[in-house]
Amino acid sequence: MKKLIVVTGPTASGKTDLAVKLALEYNTEIISADSRQIYKGIPVVTAVPDESQRMGVTHHLMETLPLDAYYSAAMFEEDALRIATEIWKKRDVAIVCGGSMMYVDSLIHGIDELPTVPESIRLPLMEEWKSKGDDWLRDRLKALDPEYYAIVDRANMKRVFHAVEICLAAGTSYSSLRTGRRKTRDFEIEKIVIDLPREELFDRINRRVLAMVAQGLEEEARSVYHMRHLNSLNTVGLKEMFAYFDGEMDFDTAVARIQKNTRVYAKKQLTWIKTKF
């Protein structure tokens, strides 16, 4: 039976190094499960591994999409399974590496089959959201699907948007389409979690943020500032830089806020790993 090795863990824990080591050991390829590294143009803030870190190992689903492209966990599931199948034609093992929880979960357990949202729905909705704001979109979800509105992380606007567009495309509530049933996979799954002492992890996060600053985080953020409304740029590191550009905080405060918010995100990843992985 073919095997999928899934390497996950909180941000800055060393997932890439371990995945590359395993890929070299098994002479195979890596599928990235990172919802931001899939976009082009923001390699510093997303910590895309450079060529020396990749050590000649082929990485899939990394820096492949323009910043304005739509992508979802369901699309990742489809793409990752297709790529893994191609890898298995040559090797017995494929490796997945990343900490985007929805992506990892969709690949391991499957995701509910949802209707494809046409551009005729998605684009006008996105424009209306851009002009009317987050509160408007939340209210739209509340009206369309109060059940999901009650449980969704309403600060995660990508999930709110996704639920609204599914409601509009399906003509029914998003909740009614969420079965929660896990799919059966016809391959072996080996899970590897990097678990570091909290103090060590937080130190690695703080140092990584400083390294990003040295690598040109501010310049990268300025290069995409005019597109700050895009969902792909709604991420820790850019949001704080944008706030600095807008005069809402000074540079040092922005850097400290990135460190803090990255630590908060790491805690959320750890909670998900303990409860669902």
Protein backbone atom coordinates (compact mmCIF):
# COMPACT_ATOMS: atom_id res chain seq x y z
CA MET A 1 0.00 0.00 0.00
CA LYS A 2 1.21 3.50 -0.82
CA LYS A 3 2.01 5.80 2.08
CA LEU A 4 1.42 9.48 2.79
CA ILE A 5 3.63 10.94 5.51
CA VAL A 6 2.10 14.10 6.97
CA VAL A 7 4.53 16.40 8.77
CA THR A 8 2.81 19.12 10.77
CA GLY A 9 3.26 21.27 13.85
CA PRO A 10 3.08 24.91 14.87
CA THR A 11 4.67 27.65 12.84
CA ALA A 12 8.48 27.96 13.12
CA SER A 13 8.80 24.49 14.64
CA GLY A 14 11.05 23.10 11.91
CA LYS A 15 8.55 21.27 9.69
CA THR A 16 10.38 22.04 6.45
CA ASP A 17 13.74 20.74 7.67
CA LEU A 18 12.17 17.47 8.82
CA ALA A 19 10.12 17.04 5.64
CA VAL A 20 13.19 17.60 3.45
CA LYS A 21 15.18 15.10 5.52
CA LEU A 22 12.43 12.50 5.03
CA ALA A 23 12.10 13.29 1.33
CA LEU A 24 15.81 12.68 0.84
CA GLU A 25 15.59 9.47 2.84
CA TYR A 26 12.68 8.15 0.75
CA ASN A 27 13.84 9.78 -2.50
CA THR A 28 10.46 11.40 -2.94
CA GLU A 29 8.67 14.77 -3.22
CA ILE A 30 6.88 17.17 -0.89
CA ILE A 31 3.37 18.61 -1.15
CA SER A 32 3.02 21.90 0.72
CA ALA A 33 -0.03 22.25 2.97
CA ASP A 34 0.41 25.95 3.64
CA SER A 35 -2.47 28.25 2.70
CA ARG A 36 -0.17 31.24 2.17
CA GLN A 37 2.98 29.72 0.67
CA ILE A 38 0.88 28.72 -2.33
CA TYR A 39 0.80 32.38 -3.41
CA LYS A 40 3.50 34.14 -5.41
CA GLY A 41 5.06 37.42 -4.34
CA ILE A 42 5.19 37.10 -0.54
CA PRO A 43 8.04 34.64 0.17
CA VAL A 44 9.43 36.51 3.18
CA VAL A 45 6.28 36.79 5.27
CA THR A 46 5.23 33.21 4.43
CA ALA A 47 8.71 31.81 5.14
CA VAL A 48 8.98 30.02 1.80
CA PRO A 49 12.05 27.78 1.97
CA ASP A 50 14.85 28.87 -0.33
CA GLU A 51 16.72 26.56 -2.69
CA SER A 52 19.37 25.68 -0.11
CA GLN A 53 16.68 24.64 2.37
CA ARG A 54 14.91 22.54 -0.25
CA MET A 55 18.16 20.66 -1.01
CA GLY A 56 17.00 19.75 -4.49
CA VAL A 57 13.74 18.20 -3.31
CA THR A 58 10.71 18.95 -5.49
CA HIS A 59 8.02 20.95 -3.65
CA HIS A 60 4.47 21.11 -4.98
CA LEU A 61 1.74 23.75 -4.36
CA MET A 62 4.30 26.38 -3.39
CA GLU A 63 4.37 29.84 -5.03
CA THR A 64 2.00 28.74 -7.79
CA LEU A 65 -0.94 31.17 -7.57
CA PRO A 66 -1.24 34.93 -8.12
CA LEU A 67 -2.29 36.91 -5.07
CA ASP A 68 -5.79 37.55 -6.37
CA ALA A 69 -6.56 33.86 -7.01
CA TYR A 70 -9.18 32.07 -4.96
CA TYR A 71 -8.17 28.84 -3.23
CA SER A 72 -9.85 26.66 -0.63
CA ALA A 73 -9.36 23.52 1.46
CA ALA A 74 -11.59 21.61 -0.95
CA MET A 75 -9.40 22.67 -3.87
CA PHE A 76 -6.32 21.69 -1.89
CA GLU A 77 -7.74 18.23 -1.18
CA GLU A 78 -8.31 17.67 -4.90
CA ASP A 79 -4.90 19.02 -5.93
CA ALA A 80 -2.96 17.21 -3.21
CA LEU A 81 -4.58 13.85 -3.97
CA ARG A 82 -3.87 14.30 -7.67
CA ILE A 83 -0.21 15.17 -7.05
CA ALA A 84 0.25 12.35 -4.53
CA THR A 85 -1.14 9.89 -7.08
CA GLU A 86 1.43 11.09 -9.61
CA ILE A 87 4.23 10.72 -7.04
CA TRP A 88 3.07 7.19 -6.18
CA LYS A 89 3.52 6.16 -9.79
CA LYS A 90 7.25 6.57 -9.19
CA ARG A 91 7.64 6.14 -5.41
CA ASP A 92 5.93 4.31 -2.56
CA VAL A 93 5.90 7.37 -0.30
CA ALA A 94 4.71 10.96 -0.71
CA ILE A 95 5.20 13.65 1.93
CA VAL A 96 2.89 16.47 2.95
CA CYS A 97 4.30 19.32 5.01
CA GLY A 98 2.42 22.26 6.49
CA GLY A 99 0.53 23.76 9.36
CA SER A 100 -2.64 25.03 7.69
CA MET A 101 -5.15 23.10 9.75
CA MET A 102 -8.03 23.03 7.29
CA TYR A 103 -5.74 21.84 4.50
CA VAL A 104 -4.22 19.01 6.53
CA ASP A 105 -7.63 17.96 7.80
CA SER A 106 -9.16 17.93 4.32
CA LEU A 107 -6.41 15.68 3.02
CA ILE A 108 -6.48 13.19 5.88
CA HIS A 109 -10.20 13.04 6.58
CA GLY A 110 -11.74 14.45 3.44
CA ILE A 111 -14.04 17.40 3.11
CA ASP A 112 -17.73 17.64 2.36
CA GLU A 113 -18.60 17.85 -1.32
CA LEU A 114 -19.79 21.38 -1.91
CA PRO A 115 -21.03 23.08 -5.06
CA THR A 116 -18.53 24.87 -7.25
CA VAL A 117 -19.03 28.59 -6.81
CA PRO A 118 -19.18 30.35 -10.20
CA GLU A 119 -17.28 33.57 -10.74
CA SER A 120 -20.62 35.25 -11.40
CA ILE A 121 -21.38 34.80 -7.68
CA ARG A 122 -17.91 35.03 -6.17
CA LEU A 123 -16.66 38.20 -7.84
CA PRO A 124 -19.70 40.43 -7.17
CA LEU A 125 -19.83 39.15 -3.58
CA MET A 126 -16.16 39.96 -3.14
CA GLU A 127 -16.65 43.46 -4.52
CA GLU A 128 -19.64 44.07 -2.27
CA TRP A 129 -17.66 42.81 0.75
CA LYS A 130 -14.80 45.13 -0.18
CA SER A 131 -17.11 48.15 -0.37
CA LYS A 132 -19.38 47.38 2.61
CA GLY A 133 -16.93 45.78 5.03
CA ASP A 134 -16.62 42.79 7.33
CA ASP A 135 -19.68 43.52 9.47
CA TRP A 136 -21.87 43.51 6.37
CA LEU A 137 -20.54 40.09 5.36
CA ARG A 138 -21.10 38.70 8.85
CA ASP A 139 -24.69 39.97 8.80
CA ARG A 140 -25.15 38.35 5.39
CA LEU A 141 -24.06 35.01 6.83
CA LYS A 142 -26.31 35.46 9.85
CA ALA A 143 -29.30 35.93 7.55
CA LEU A 144 -28.40 33.04 5.23
CA ASP A 145 -27.24 30.51 7.81
CA PRO A 146 -27.75 31.47 11.47
CA GLU A 147 -26.70 27.98 12.59
CA TYR A 148 -23.22 28.26 11.08
CA TYR A 149 -22.99 31.92 12.09
CA ALA A 150 -23.33 30.81 15.71
CA ILE A 151 -20.28 28.53 15.57
CA VAL A 152 -17.93 30.01 12.98
CA ASP A 153 -14.86 32.01 13.99
CA ARG A 154 -16.30 35.35 12.95
CA ALA A 155 -12.84 36.92 12.96
CA ASN A 156 -11.82 34.52 10.19
CA MET A 157 -13.28 36.38 7.25
CA LYS A 158 -12.14 33.77 4.74
CA ARG A 159 -14.42 31.21 6.39
CA VAL A 160 -17.27 33.70 6.65
CA PHE A 161 -16.92 34.56 2.96
CA HIS A 162 -16.71 30.89 1.96
CA ALA A 163 -19.90 30.07 3.87
CA VAL A 164 -21.79 32.96 2.29
CA GLU A 165 -20.73 32.08 -1.26
CA ILE A 166 -21.65 28.42 -0.71
CA CYS A 167 -25.09 29.46 0.55
CA LEU A 168 -25.61 31.60 -2.53
CA ALA A 169 -24.34 28.95 -4.94
CA ALA A 170 -26.26 26.06 -3.37
CA GLY A 171 -29.48 27.92 -2.65
CA THR A 172 -29.47 26.40 0.83
CA SER A 173 -27.58 26.83 4.09
CA TYR A 174 -23.93 25.88 4.39
CA SER A 175 -24.79 24.00 7.60
CA SER A 176 -27.09 21.62 5.75
CA LEU A 177 -24.22 20.59 3.47
CA ARG A 178 -21.73 19.90 6.28
CA THR A 179 -22.07 16.18 7.00
CA GLY A 180 -18.96 15.76 9.14
CA ARG A 181 -18.46 12.29 7.69
CA ARG A 182 -14.85 11.19 7.26
CA LYS A 183 -13.78 9.70 3.97
CA THR A 184 -11.95 6.39 3.69
CA ARG A 185 -8.54 6.70 2.07
CA ASP A 186 -6.98 3.88 0.07
CA PHE A 187 -3.46 4.69 1.23
CA GLU A 188 -1.60 4.50 4.52
CA ILE A 189 -1.26 7.74 6.47
CA GLU A 190 1.63 8.30 8.88
CA LYS A 191 1.31 11.41 11.05
CA ILE A 192 4.36 13.18 12.42
CA VAL A 193 3.90 16.14 14.77
CA ILE A 194 6.75 18.40 15.84
CA ASP A 195 6.17 19.24 19.48
CA LEU A 196 8.63 21.64 21.10
CA PRO A 197 8.68 23.01 24.65
CA ARG A 198 6.60 26.18 24.66
CA GLU A 199 9.52 28.43 25.65
CA GLU A 200 11.69 27.06 22.84
CA LEU A 201 8.89 27.42 20.28
CA PHE A 202 8.18 31.01 21.23
CA ASP A 203 11.88 31.85 21.05
CA ARG A 204 12.05 30.34 17.55
CA ILE A 205 9.01 32.40 16.53
CA ASN A 206 10.48 35.63 17.87
CA ARG A 207 13.77 34.99 16.10
CA ARG A 208 12.06 34.06 12.85
CA VAL A 209 10.17 37.38 12.82
CA LEU A 210 13.42 39.28 13.31
CA ALA A 211 14.95 37.26 10.48
CA MET A 212 12.01 38.21 8.26
CA VAL A 213 12.62 41.88 9.03
CA ALA A 214 16.28 41.45 8.06
CA GLN A 215 15.25 39.66 4.85
CA GLY A 216 13.10 42.57 3.71
CA LEU A 217 9.67 42.14 5.28
CA GLU A 218 8.90 45.86 5.14
CA GLU A 219 9.85 46.14 1.48
CA GLU A 220 7.78 43.08 0.60
CA ALA A 221 4.77 44.45 2.47
CA ARG A 222 5.07 47.81 0.69
CA SER A 223 5.16 46.04 -2.68
CA VAL A 224 1.71 44.51 -2.06
CA TYR A 225 0.19 47.28 0.08
CA HIS A 226 -2.00 48.49 -2.78
CA MET A 227 -3.64 45.05 -2.85
CA ARG A 228 -4.18 44.83 0.92
CA HIS A 229 -7.89 44.05 0.47
CA LEU A 230 -7.06 40.59 -0.97
CA ASN A 231 -7.70 37.58 1.24
CA SER A 232 -4.26 36.17 0.44
CA LEU A 233 -2.74 39.19 2.21
CA ASN A 234 -4.94 38.87 5.29
CA THR A 235 -2.16 37.22 7.26
CA VAL A 236 0.03 37.81 10.28
CA GLY A 237 3.05 39.85 9.29
CA LEU A 238 1.34 41.83 6.57
CA LYS A 239 -1.62 43.07 8.60
CA GLU A 240 0.72 44.60 11.18
CA MET A 241 2.95 46.12 8.50
CA PHE A 242 -0.10 47.64 6.81
CA ALA A 243 -1.17 49.12 10.15
CA TYR A 244 2.33 50.64 10.46
CA PHE A 245 2.06 52.12 6.96
CA ASP A 246 -1.34 53.57 7.91
CA GLY A 247 0.19 55.31 10.93
CA GLU A 248 -1.67 53.16 13.47
CA MET A 249 1.55 52.04 15.18
CA ASP A 250 5.28 52.58 14.91
CA PHE A 251 7.66 50.07 13.34
CA ASP A 252 8.94 48.50 16.56
CA THR A 253 5.40 48.05 17.83
CA ALA A 254 4.42 46.41 14.54
CA VAL A 255 7.29 43.93 14.80
CA ALA A 256 6.42 43.11 18.42
CA ARG A 257 2.78 42.67 17.40
CA ILE A 258 3.80 40.24 14.63
CA GLN A 259 5.71 38.19 17.18
CA LYS A 260 2.77 38.17 19.57
CA ASN A 261 0.17 37.33 16.93
CA THR A 262 2.37 34.56 15.54
CA ARG A 263 2.60 33.05 19.01
CA VAL A 264 -1.20 33.22 19.31
CA TYR A 265 -1.54 31.46 15.95
CA ALA A 266 0.90 28.76 17.09
CA LYS A 267 -1.27 28.12 20.15
CA LYS A 268 -4.31 27.66 17.91
CA GLN A 269 -2.37 25.19 15.78
CA LEU A 270 -1.35 23.24 18.87
CA THR A 271 -4.92 23.12 20.13
CA TRP A 272 -6.12 21.77 16.79
CA ILE A 273 -3.38 19.16 16.69
CA LYS A 274 -4.22 17.91 20.19
CA THR A 275 -7.97 17.75 19.61
CA LYS A 276 -8.36 16.74 15.95
CA PHE A 277 -5.07 15.42 14.54
